[in-house]
Amino acid sequence: MSPVLAISRGDVADYVYTLAIVFVVLIFIRVIMSFIPRMPYYRWLDAILTFVTQVTDPILNLFRRFLPPVRLGPGALDLAPMVATFVLLIVAGIAADLIRG
């Protein structure tokens, strides 16, 4: 006997929303990375940080085009990760609902 695997529209919608949650976690890791200095001598850590940077850069650069950094004295606050998170969750929720039907 072979098991029959059935994938419903609800399962696909859950996968789409879970993918968005994973992307939000990667954005959060990217924000935390900006506070910690990069250690170039740990090869595995450098590989992980490079992966997170390369995955999150395309969407963050899209929002950075429209949102300039907010100046706060000598520093600046980048609002792109926060706006990207909100937009990503809203779009993923709408897409998941449309897939569910």
PDB file of N, CA and C in Angstrom:
ATOM      1  N   MET A   1       0.835  -1.181   0.000  1.00  0.00           N
ATOM      2  CA  MET A   1       0.000   0.000   0.000  1.00  0.00           C
ATOM      3  C   MET A   1       0.882   1.248   0.000  1.00  0.00           C
ATOM      4  N   SER A   2       0.514   2.168  -0.796  1.00  0.00           N
ATOM      5  CA  SER A   2       1.235   3.432  -0.809  1.00  0.00           C
ATOM      6  C   SER A   2       0.322   4.520  -0.269  1.00  0.00           C
ATOM      7  N   PRO A   3       0.891   5.385   0.558  1.00  0.00           N
ATOM      8  CA  PRO A   3       0.063   6.463   1.107  1.00  0.00           C
ATOM      9  C   PRO A   3      -0.270   7.488   0.025  1.00  0.00           C
ATOM     10  N   VAL A   4      -1.446   8.017   0.094  1.00  0.00           N
ATOM     11  CA  VAL A   4      -1.892   9.029  -0.850  1.00  0.00           C
ATOM     12  C   VAL A   4      -1.794  10.380  -0.164  1.00  0.00           C
ATOM     13  N   LEU A   5      -1.031  11.260  -0.766  1.00  0.00           N
ATOM     14  CA  LEU A   5      -0.875  12.598  -0.213  1.00  0.00           C
ATOM     15  C   LEU A   5      -1.740  13.565  -1.000  1.00  0.00           C
ATOM     16  N   ALA A   6      -2.632  14.199  -0.322  1.00  0.00           N
ATOM     17  CA  ALA A   6      -3.510  15.165  -0.977  1.00  0.00           C
ATOM     18  C   ALA A   6      -3.157  16.556  -0.467  1.00  0.00           C
ATOM     19  N   ILE A   7      -2.942  17.447  -1.385  1.00  0.00           N
ATOM     20  CA  ILE A   7      -2.653  18.832  -1.013  1.00  0.00           C
ATOM     21  C   ILE A   7      -3.853  19.662  -1.418  1.00  0.00           C
ATOM     22  N   SER A   8      -4.429  20.292  -0.432  1.00  0.00           N
ATOM     23  CA  SER A   8      -5.605  21.116  -0.702  1.00  0.00           C
ATOM     24  C   SER A   8      -5.170  22.573  -0.875  1.00  0.00           C
ATOM     25  N   ARG A   9      -6.126  23.380  -1.244  1.00  0.00           N
ATOM     26  CA  ARG A   9      -5.847  24.811  -1.407  1.00  0.00           C
ATOM     27  C   ARG A   9      -5.474  25.441  -0.079  1.00  0.00           C
ATOM     28  N   GLY A  10      -6.062  24.947   1.000  1.00  0.00           N
ATOM     29  CA  GLY A  10      -5.722  25.456   2.329  1.00  0.00           C
ATOM     30  C   GLY A  10      -4.272  25.177   2.693  1.00  0.00           C
ATOM     31  N   ASP A  11      -3.771  23.991   2.287  1.00  0.00           N
ATOM     32  CA  ASP A  11      -2.372  23.667   2.543  1.00  0.00           C
ATOM     33  C   ASP A  11      -1.435  24.608   1.786  1.00  0.00           C
ATOM     34  N   VAL A  12      -1.749  24.878   0.544  1.00  0.00           N
ATOM     35  CA  VAL A  12      -0.925  25.789  -0.255  1.00  0.00           C
ATOM     36  C   VAL A  12      -0.958  27.194   0.339  1.00  0.00           C
ATOM     37  N   ALA A  13      -2.124  27.624   0.785  1.00  0.00           N
ATOM     38  CA  ALA A  13      -2.245  28.946   1.410  1.00  0.00           C
ATOM     39  C   ALA A  13      -1.410  29.008   2.689  1.00  0.00           C
ATOM     40  N   ASP A  14      -1.431  27.933   3.465  1.00  0.00           N
ATOM     41  CA  ASP A  14      -0.606  27.898   4.678  1.00  0.00           C
ATOM     42  C   ASP A  14       0.881  27.947   4.345  1.00  0.00           C
ATOM     43  N   TYR A  15       1.297  27.276   3.260  1.00  0.00           N
ATOM     44  CA  TYR A  15       2.697  27.324   2.838  1.00  0.00           C
ATOM     45  C   TYR A  15       3.103  28.734   2.433  1.00  0.00           C
ATOM     46  N   VAL A  16       2.242  29.423   1.723  1.00  0.00           N
ATOM     47  CA  VAL A  16       2.543  30.798   1.296  1.00  0.00           C
ATOM     48  C   VAL A  16       2.700  31.701   2.516  1.00  0.00           C
ATOM     49  N   TYR A  17       1.800  31.580   3.470  1.00  0.00           N
ATOM     50  CA  TYR A  17       1.879  32.427   4.659  1.00  0.00           C
ATOM     51  C   TYR A  17       3.102  32.062   5.509  1.00  0.00           C
ATOM     52  N   THR A  18       3.426  30.775   5.592  1.00  0.00           N
ATOM     53  CA  THR A  18       4.607  30.351   6.346  1.00  0.00           C
ATOM     54  C   THR A  18       5.879  30.863   5.693  1.00  0.00           C
ATOM     55  N   LEU A  19       5.920  30.884   4.382  1.00  0.00           N
ATOM     56  CA  LEU A  19       7.072  31.442   3.677  1.00  0.00           C
ATOM     57  C   LEU A  19       7.244  32.924   4.007  1.00  0.00           C
ATOM     58  N   ALA A  20       6.138  33.647   4.107  1.00  0.00           N
ATOM     59  CA  ALA A  20       6.204  35.062   4.487  1.00  0.00           C
ATOM     60  C   ALA A  20       6.720  35.214   5.917  1.00  0.00           C
ATOM     61  N   ILE A  21       6.301  34.336   6.813  1.00  0.00           N
ATOM     62  CA  ILE A  21       6.772  34.394   8.202  1.00  0.00           C
ATOM     63  C   ILE A  21       8.283  34.128   8.260  1.00  0.00           C
ATOM     64  N   VAL A  22       8.760  33.175   7.478  1.00  0.00           N
ATOM     65  CA  VAL A  22      10.199  32.890   7.428  1.00  0.00           C
ATOM     66  C   VAL A  22      10.951  34.116   6.922  1.00  0.00           C
ATOM     67  N   PHE A  23      10.405  34.779   5.928  1.00  0.00           N
ATOM     68  CA  PHE A  23      11.047  35.980   5.397  1.00  0.00           C
ATOM     69  C   PHE A  23      11.063  37.102   6.436  1.00  0.00           C
ATOM     70  N   VAL A  24       9.994  37.227   7.212  1.00  0.00           N
ATOM     71  CA  VAL A  24       9.952  38.231   8.279  1.00  0.00           C
ATOM     72  C   VAL A  24      11.014  37.919   9.335  1.00  0.00           C
ATOM     73  N   VAL A  25      11.205  36.652   9.655  1.00  0.00           N
ATOM     74  CA  VAL A  25      12.249  36.267  10.613  1.00  0.00           C
ATOM     75  C   VAL A  25      13.628  36.628  10.064  1.00  0.00           C
ATOM     76  N   LEU A  26      13.846  36.415   8.770  1.00  0.00           N
ATOM     77  CA  LEU A  26      15.121  36.797   8.160  1.00  0.00           C
ATOM     78  C   LEU A  26      15.334  38.308   8.205  1.00  0.00           C
ATOM     79  N   ILE A  27      14.273  39.074   8.018  1.00  0.00           N
ATOM     80  CA  ILE A  27      14.390  40.535   8.138  1.00  0.00           C
ATOM     81  C   ILE A  27      14.735  40.921   9.569  1.00  0.00           C
ATOM     82  N   PHE A  28      14.120  40.250  10.541  1.00  0.00           N
ATOM     83  CA  PHE A  28      14.424  40.522  11.947  1.00  0.00           C
ATOM     84  C   PHE A  28      15.888  40.191  12.253  1.00  0.00           C
ATOM     85  N   ILE A  29      16.384  39.072  11.722  1.00  0.00           N
ATOM     86  CA  ILE A  29      17.795  38.722  11.911  1.00  0.00           C
ATOM     87  C   ILE A  29      18.684  39.783  11.282  1.00  0.00           C
ATOM     88  N   ARG A  30      18.277  40.313  10.143  1.00  0.00           N
ATOM     89  CA  ARG A  30      19.045  41.367   9.475  1.00  0.00           C
ATOM     90  C   ARG A  30      19.106  42.635  10.326  1.00  0.00           C
ATOM     91  N   VAL A  31      18.004  42.963  10.987  1.00  0.00           N
ATOM     92  CA  VAL A  31      17.992  44.137  11.865  1.00  0.00           C
ATOM     93  C   VAL A  31      18.931  43.916  13.055  1.00  0.00           C
ATOM     94  N   ILE A  32      18.872  42.734  13.649  1.00  0.00           N
ATOM     95  CA  ILE A  32      19.758  42.422  14.776  1.00  0.00           C
ATOM     96  C   ILE A  32      21.221  42.445  14.318  1.00  0.00           C
ATOM     97  N   MET A  33      21.481  41.976  13.104  1.00  0.00           N
ATOM     98  CA  MET A  33      22.845  41.978  12.566  1.00  0.00           C
ATOM     99  C   MET A  33      23.424  43.382  12.464  1.00  0.00           C
ATOM    100  N   SER A  34      22.586  44.361  12.263  1.00  0.00           N
ATOM    101  CA  SER A  34      23.091  45.724  12.103  1.00  0.00           C
ATOM    102  C   SER A  34      23.644  46.288  13.412  1.00  0.00           C
ATOM    103  N   PHE A  35      23.269  45.690  14.545  1.00  0.00           N
ATOM    104  CA  PHE A  35      23.766  46.156  15.839  1.00  0.00           C
ATOM    105  C   PHE A  35      25.032  45.422  16.284  1.00  0.00           C
ATOM    106  N   ILE A  36      25.320  44.279  15.670  1.00  0.00           N
ATOM    107  CA  ILE A  36      26.446  43.451  16.083  1.00  0.00           C
ATOM    108  C   ILE A  36      27.554  43.586  15.043  1.00  0.00           C
ATOM    109  N   PRO A  37      28.799  43.831  15.498  1.00  0.00           N
ATOM    110  CA  PRO A  37      29.889  43.936  14.516  1.00  0.00           C
ATOM    111  C   PRO A  37      30.137  42.591  13.830  1.00  0.00           C
ATOM    112  N   ARG A  38      30.511  42.645  12.575  1.00  0.00           N
ATOM    113  CA  ARG A  38      30.725  41.427  11.791  1.00  0.00           C
ATOM    114  C   ARG A  38      32.079  40.813  12.129  1.00  0.00           C
ATOM    115  N   MET A  39      32.101  39.494  12.346  1.00  0.00           N
ATOM    116  CA  MET A  39      33.330  38.778  12.671  1.00  0.00           C
ATOM    117  C   MET A  39      33.776  37.991  11.438  1.00  0.00           C
ATOM    118  N   PRO A  40      34.798  38.454  10.731  1.00  0.00           N
ATOM    119  CA  PRO A  40      35.168  37.805   9.458  1.00  0.00           C
ATOM    120  C   PRO A  40      35.908  36.480   9.624  1.00  0.00           C
ATOM    121  N   TYR A  41      36.378  36.134  10.816  1.00  0.00           N
ATOM    122  CA  TYR A  41      37.209  34.948  10.972  1.00  0.00           C
ATOM    123  C   TYR A  41      36.424  33.674  11.247  1.00  0.00           C
ATOM    124  N   TYR A  42      35.123  33.793  11.495  1.00  0.00           N
ATOM    125  CA  TYR A  42      34.277  32.621  11.685  1.00  0.00           C
ATOM    126  C   TYR A  42      33.595  32.327  10.354  1.00  0.00           C
ATOM    127  N   ARG A  43      34.065  31.293   9.688  1.00  0.00           N
ATOM    128  CA  ARG A  43      33.613  31.013   8.333  1.00  0.00           C
ATOM    129  C   ARG A  43      32.122  30.691   8.257  1.00  0.00           C
ATOM    130  N   TRP A  44      31.605  29.869   9.168  1.00  0.00           N
ATOM    131  CA  TRP A  44      30.196  29.483   9.122  1.00  0.00           C
ATOM    132  C   TRP A  44      29.300  30.659   9.464  1.00  0.00           C
ATOM    133  N   LEU A  45      29.720  31.504  10.409  1.00  0.00           N
ATOM    134  CA  LEU A  45      28.922  32.680  10.762  1.00  0.00           C
ATOM    135  C   LEU A  45      28.899  33.673   9.604  1.00  0.00           C
ATOM    136  N   ASP A  46      30.029  33.848   8.950  1.00  0.00           N
ATOM    137  CA  ASP A  46      30.088  34.741   7.794  1.00  0.00           C
ATOM    138  C   ASP A  46      29.196  34.228   6.666  1.00  0.00           C
ATOM    139  N   ALA A  47      29.140  32.915   6.477  1.00  0.00           N
ATOM    140  CA  ALA A  47      28.281  32.345   5.437  1.00  0.00           C
ATOM    141  C   ALA A  47      26.809  32.583   5.754  1.00  0.00           C
ATOM    142  N   ILE A  48      26.421  32.431   7.011  1.00  0.00           N
ATOM    143  CA  ILE A  48      25.025  32.655   7.411  1.00  0.00           C
ATOM    144  C   ILE A  48      24.654  34.133   7.241  1.00  0.00           C
ATOM    145  N   LEU A  49      25.529  35.018   7.686  1.00  0.00           N
ATOM    146  CA  LEU A  49      25.232  36.449   7.591  1.00  0.00           C
ATOM    147  C   LEU A  49      25.197  36.910   6.139  1.00  0.00           C
ATOM    148  N   THR A  50      26.049  36.353   5.309  1.00  0.00           N
ATOM    149  CA  THR A  50      26.018  36.689   3.887  1.00  0.00           C
ATOM    150  C   THR A  50      24.725  36.207   3.249  1.00  0.00           C
ATOM    151  N   PHE A  51      24.278  35.005   3.619  1.00  0.00           N
ATOM    152  CA  PHE A  51      23.017  34.475   3.105  1.00  0.00           C
ATOM    153  C   PHE A  51      21.845  35.380   3.488  1.00  0.00           C
ATOM    154  N   VAL A  52      21.776  35.768   4.756  1.00  0.00           N
ATOM    155  CA  VAL A  52      20.673  36.623   5.221  1.00  0.00           C
ATOM    156  C   VAL A  52      20.704  37.958   4.493  1.00  0.00           C
ATOM    157  N   THR A  53      21.885  38.513   4.301  1.00  0.00           N
ATOM    158  CA  THR A  53      22.007  39.792   3.602  1.00  0.00           C
ATOM    159  C   THR A  53      21.553  39.670   2.152  1.00  0.00           C
ATOM    160  N   GLN A  54      21.994  38.611   1.469  1.00  0.00           N
ATOM    161  CA  GLN A  54      21.639  38.454   0.066  1.00  0.00           C
ATOM    162  C   GLN A  54      20.162  38.159  -0.133  1.00  0.00           C
ATOM    163  N   VAL A  55      19.527  37.506   0.819  1.00  0.00           N
ATOM    164  CA  VAL A  55      18.106  37.182   0.688  1.00  0.00           C
ATOM    165  C   VAL A  55      17.233  38.407   0.967  1.00  0.00           C
ATOM    166  N   THR A  56      17.604  39.195   1.958  1.00  0.00           N
ATOM    167  CA  THR A  56      16.754  40.314   2.365  1.00  0.00           C
ATOM    168  C   THR A  56      17.031  41.613   1.607  1.00  0.00           C
ATOM    169  N   ASP A  57      18.199  41.735   0.992  1.00  0.00           N
ATOM    170  CA  ASP A  57      18.534  42.985   0.301  1.00  0.00           C
ATOM    171  C   ASP A  57      17.558  43.388  -0.808  1.00  0.00           C
ATOM    172  N   PRO A  58      17.106  42.474  -1.669  1.00  0.00           N
ATOM    173  CA  PRO A  58      16.227  42.939  -2.753  1.00  0.00           C
ATOM    174  C   PRO A  58      14.955  43.634  -2.263  1.00  0.00           C
ATOM    175  N   ILE A  59      14.281  43.076  -1.282  1.00  0.00           N
ATOM    176  CA  ILE A  59      13.037  43.717  -0.836  1.00  0.00           C
ATOM    177  C   ILE A  59      13.321  44.952   0.010  1.00  0.00           C
ATOM    178  N   LEU A  60      14.375  44.925   0.813  1.00  0.00           N
ATOM    179  CA  LEU A  60      14.680  46.111   1.618  1.00  0.00           C
ATOM    180  C   LEU A  60      15.149  47.265   0.754  1.00  0.00           C
ATOM    181  N   ASN A  61      15.916  46.979  -0.290  1.00  0.00           N
ATOM    182  CA  ASN A  61      16.356  48.050  -1.195  1.00  0.00           C
ATOM    183  C   ASN A  61      15.181  48.664  -1.950  1.00  0.00           C
ATOM    184  N   LEU A  62      14.164  47.856  -2.223  1.00  0.00           N
ATOM    185  CA  LEU A  62      12.960  48.384  -2.864  1.00  0.00           C
ATOM    186  C   LEU A  62      12.296  49.439  -1.977  1.00  0.00           C
ATOM    187  N   PHE A  63      12.188  49.158  -0.688  1.00  0.00           N
ATOM    188  CA  PHE A  63      11.562  50.131   0.217  1.00  0.00           C
ATOM    189  C   PHE A  63      12.502  51.277   0.558  1.00  0.00           C
ATOM    190  N   ARG A  64      13.794  51.047   0.535  1.00  0.00           N
ATOM    191  CA  ARG A  64      14.753  52.126   0.809  1.00  0.00           C
ATOM    192  C   ARG A  64      14.749  53.174  -0.295  1.00  0.00           C
ATOM    193  N   ARG A  65      14.345  52.779  -1.498  1.00  0.00           N
ATOM    194  CA  ARG A  65      14.228  53.745  -2.591  1.00  0.00           C
ATOM    195  C   ARG A  65      13.183  54.804  -2.291  1.00  0.00           C
ATOM    196  N   PHE A  66      12.104  54.394  -1.628  1.00  0.00           N
ATOM    197  CA  PHE A  66      10.987  55.314  -1.363  1.00  0.00           C
ATOM    198  C   PHE A  66      11.037  55.932   0.028  1.00  0.00           C
ATOM    199  N   LEU A  67      11.722  55.291   0.968  1.00  0.00           N
ATOM    200  CA  LEU A  67      11.784  55.775   2.344  1.00  0.00           C
ATOM    201  C   LEU A  67      13.217  56.175   2.694  1.00  0.00           C
ATOM    202  N   PRO A  68      13.504  57.458   2.710  1.00  0.00           N
ATOM    203  CA  PRO A  68      14.853  57.857   3.120  1.00  0.00           C
ATOM    204  C   PRO A  68      15.016  57.638   4.627  1.00  0.00           C
ATOM    205  N   PRO A  69      16.246  57.457   5.101  1.00  0.00           N
ATOM    206  CA  PRO A  69      16.467  57.285   6.545  1.00  0.00           C
ATOM    207  C   PRO A  69      16.028  58.527   7.319  1.00  0.00           C
ATOM    208  N   VAL A  70      15.466  58.312   8.482  1.00  0.00           N
ATOM    209  CA  VAL A  70      15.036  59.409   9.351  1.00  0.00           C
ATOM    210  C   VAL A  70      16.243  59.842  10.172  1.00  0.00           C
ATOM    211  N   ARG A  71      16.601  61.109  10.066  1.00  0.00           N
ATOM    212  CA  ARG A  71      17.772  61.612  10.780  1.00  0.00           C
ATOM    213  C   ARG A  71      17.425  61.841  12.243  1.00  0.00           C
ATOM    214  N   LEU A  72      18.267  61.289  13.111  1.00  0.00           N
ATOM    215  CA  LEU A  72      18.116  61.468  14.551  1.00  0.00           C
ATOM    216  C   LEU A  72      19.458  61.907  15.120  1.00  0.00           C
ATOM    217  N   GLY A  73      19.700  63.191  15.084  1.00  0.00           N
ATOM    218  CA  GLY A  73      20.979  63.701  15.557  1.00  0.00           C
ATOM    219  C   GLY A  73      22.103  63.232  14.653  1.00  0.00           C
ATOM    220  N   PRO A  74      23.143  62.605  15.239  1.00  0.00           N
ATOM    221  CA  PRO A  74      24.270  62.156  14.417  1.00  0.00           C
ATOM    222  C   PRO A  74      23.994  60.856  13.646  1.00  0.00           C
ATOM    223  N   GLY A  75      22.941  60.146  13.986  1.00  0.00           N
ATOM    224  CA  GLY A  75      22.640  58.874  13.327  1.00  0.00           C
ATOM    225  C   GLY A  75      21.384  58.968  12.495  1.00  0.00           C
ATOM    226  N   ALA A  76      20.997  57.828  11.951  1.00  0.00           N
ATOM    227  CA  ALA A  76      19.787  57.761  11.134  1.00  0.00           C
ATOM    228  C   ALA A  76      19.056  56.459  11.450  1.00  0.00           C
ATOM    229  N   LEU A  77      17.749  56.493  11.296  1.00  0.00           N
ATOM    230  CA  LEU A  77      16.909  55.325  11.550  1.00  0.00           C
ATOM    231  C   LEU A  77      16.341  54.834  10.225  1.00  0.00           C
ATOM    232  N   ASP A  78      16.605  53.572   9.906  1.00  0.00           N
ATOM    233  CA  ASP A  78      16.127  52.974   8.663  1.00  0.00           C
ATOM    234  C   ASP A  78      14.757  52.348   8.920  1.00  0.00           C
ATOM    235  N   LEU A  79      13.736  52.882   8.282  1.00  0.00           N
ATOM    236  CA  LEU A  79      12.376  52.382   8.473  1.00  0.00           C
ATOM    237  C   LEU A  79      11.992  51.291   7.472  1.00  0.00           C
ATOM    238  N   ALA A  80      12.863  50.994   6.525  1.00  0.00           N
ATOM    239  CA  ALA A  80      12.546  50.011   5.491  1.00  0.00           C
ATOM    240  C   ALA A  80      12.225  48.623   6.047  1.00  0.00           C
ATOM    241  N   PRO A  81      12.957  48.083   7.036  1.00  0.00           N
ATOM    242  CA  PRO A  81      12.593  46.763   7.544  1.00  0.00           C
ATOM    243  C   PRO A  81      11.202  46.717   8.180  1.00  0.00           C
ATOM    244  N   MET A  82      10.830  47.776   8.894  1.00  0.00           N
ATOM    245  CA  MET A  82       9.520  47.798   9.544  1.00  0.00           C
ATOM    246  C   MET A  82       8.403  47.872   8.506  1.00  0.00           C
ATOM    247  N   VAL A  83       8.544  48.732   7.528  1.00  0.00           N
ATOM    248  CA  VAL A  83       7.523  48.873   6.488  1.00  0.00           C
ATOM    249  C   VAL A  83       7.461  47.604   5.635  1.00  0.00           C
ATOM    250  N   ALA A  84       8.623  47.024   5.326  1.00  0.00           N
ATOM    251  CA  ALA A  84       8.646  45.790   4.535  1.00  0.00           C
ATOM    252  C   ALA A  84       7.954  44.652   5.276  1.00  0.00           C
ATOM    253  N   THR A  85       8.127  44.584   6.587  1.00  0.00           N
ATOM    254  CA  THR A  85       7.470  43.546   7.390  1.00  0.00           C
ATOM    255  C   THR A  85       5.964  43.701   7.334  1.00  0.00           C
ATOM    256  N   PHE A  86       5.471  44.911   7.540  1.00  0.00           N
ATOM    257  CA  PHE A  86       4.023  45.148   7.497  1.00  0.00           C
ATOM    258  C   PHE A  86       3.444  44.826   6.120  1.00  0.00           C
ATOM    259  N   VAL A  87       4.090  45.313   5.077  1.00  0.00           N
ATOM    260  CA  VAL A  87       3.597  45.081   3.717  1.00  0.00           C
ATOM    261  C   VAL A  87       3.633  43.596   3.383  1.00  0.00           C
ATOM    262  N   LEU A  88       4.707  42.925   3.763  1.00  0.00           N
ATOM    263  CA  LEU A  88       4.844  41.500   3.478  1.00  0.00           C
ATOM    264  C   LEU A  88       3.759  40.680   4.171  1.00  0.00           C
ATOM    265  N   LEU A  89       3.488  40.973   5.433  1.00  0.00           N
ATOM    266  CA  LEU A  89       2.451  40.230   6.151  1.00  0.00           C
ATOM    267  C   LEU A  89       1.056  40.511   5.602  1.00  0.00           C
ATOM    268  N   ILE A  90       0.790  41.748   5.236  1.00  0.00           N
ATOM    269  CA  ILE A  90      -0.522  42.083   4.675  1.00  0.00           C
ATOM    270  C   ILE A  90      -0.709  41.411   3.312  1.00  0.00           C
ATOM    271  N   VAL A  91       0.301  41.497   2.454  1.00  0.00           N
ATOM    272  CA  VAL A  91       0.197  40.882   1.123  1.00  0.00           C
ATOM    273  C   VAL A  91       0.105  39.364   1.238  1.00  0.00           C
ATOM    274  N   ALA A  92       0.877  38.767   2.147  1.00  0.00           N
ATOM    275  CA  ALA A  92       0.823  37.310   2.323  1.00  0.00           C
ATOM    276  C   ALA A  92      -0.540  36.879   2.855  1.00  0.00           C
ATOM    277  N   GLY A  93      -1.124  37.661   3.758  1.00  0.00           N
ATOM    278  CA  GLY A  93      -2.450  37.338   4.264  1.00  0.00           C
ATOM    279  C   GLY A  93      -3.508  37.407   3.179  1.00  0.00           C
ATOM    280  N   ILE A  94      -3.420  38.439   2.359  1.00  0.00           N
ATOM    281  CA  ILE A  94      -4.382  38.573   1.247  1.00  0.00           C
ATOM    282  C   ILE A  94      -4.193  37.451   0.238  1.00  0.00           C
ATOM    283  N   ALA A  95      -2.942  37.134  -0.088  1.00  0.00           N
ATOM    284  CA  ALA A  95      -2.668  36.053  -1.047  1.00  0.00           C
ATOM    285  C   ALA A  95      -3.152  34.705  -0.510  1.00  0.00           C
ATOM    286  N   ALA A  96      -2.915  34.464   0.786  1.00  0.00           N
ATOM    287  CA  ALA A  96      -3.374  33.199   1.377  1.00  0.00           C
ATOM    288  C   ALA A  96      -4.893  33.105   1.363  1.00  0.00           C
ATOM    289  N   ASP A  97      -5.584  34.199   1.639  1.00  0.00           N
ATOM    290  CA  ASP A  97      -7.052  34.185   1.592  1.00  0.00           C
ATOM    291  C   ASP A  97      -7.566  33.978   0.174  1.00  0.00           C
ATOM    292  N   LEU A  98      -6.900  34.579  -0.805  1.00  0.00           N
ATOM    293  CA  LEU A  98      -7.308  34.381  -2.201  1.00  0.00           C
ATOM    294  C   LEU A  98      -7.077  32.928  -2.658  1.00  0.00           C
ATOM    295  N   ILE A  99      -6.001  32.337  -2.204  1.00  0.00           N
ATOM    296  CA  ILE A  99      -5.720  30.945  -2.565  1.00  0.00           C
ATOM    297  C   ILE A  99      -6.740  30.008  -1.916  1.00  0.00           C
ATOM    298  N   ARG A 100      -7.070  30.301  -0.652  1.00  0.00           N
ATOM    299  CA  ARG A 100      -8.069  29.471   0.036  1.00  0.00           C
ATOM    300  C   ARG A 100      -9.426  29.511  -0.635  1.00  0.00           C
ATOM    301  N   GLY A 101      -9.743  30.673  -1.163  1.00  0.00           N
ATOM    302  CA  GLY A 101     -11.014  30.817  -1.875  1.00  0.00           C
ATOM    303  C   GLY A 101     -12.155  31.259  -1.048  1.00  0.00           C
TER     304      GLY A 101
END
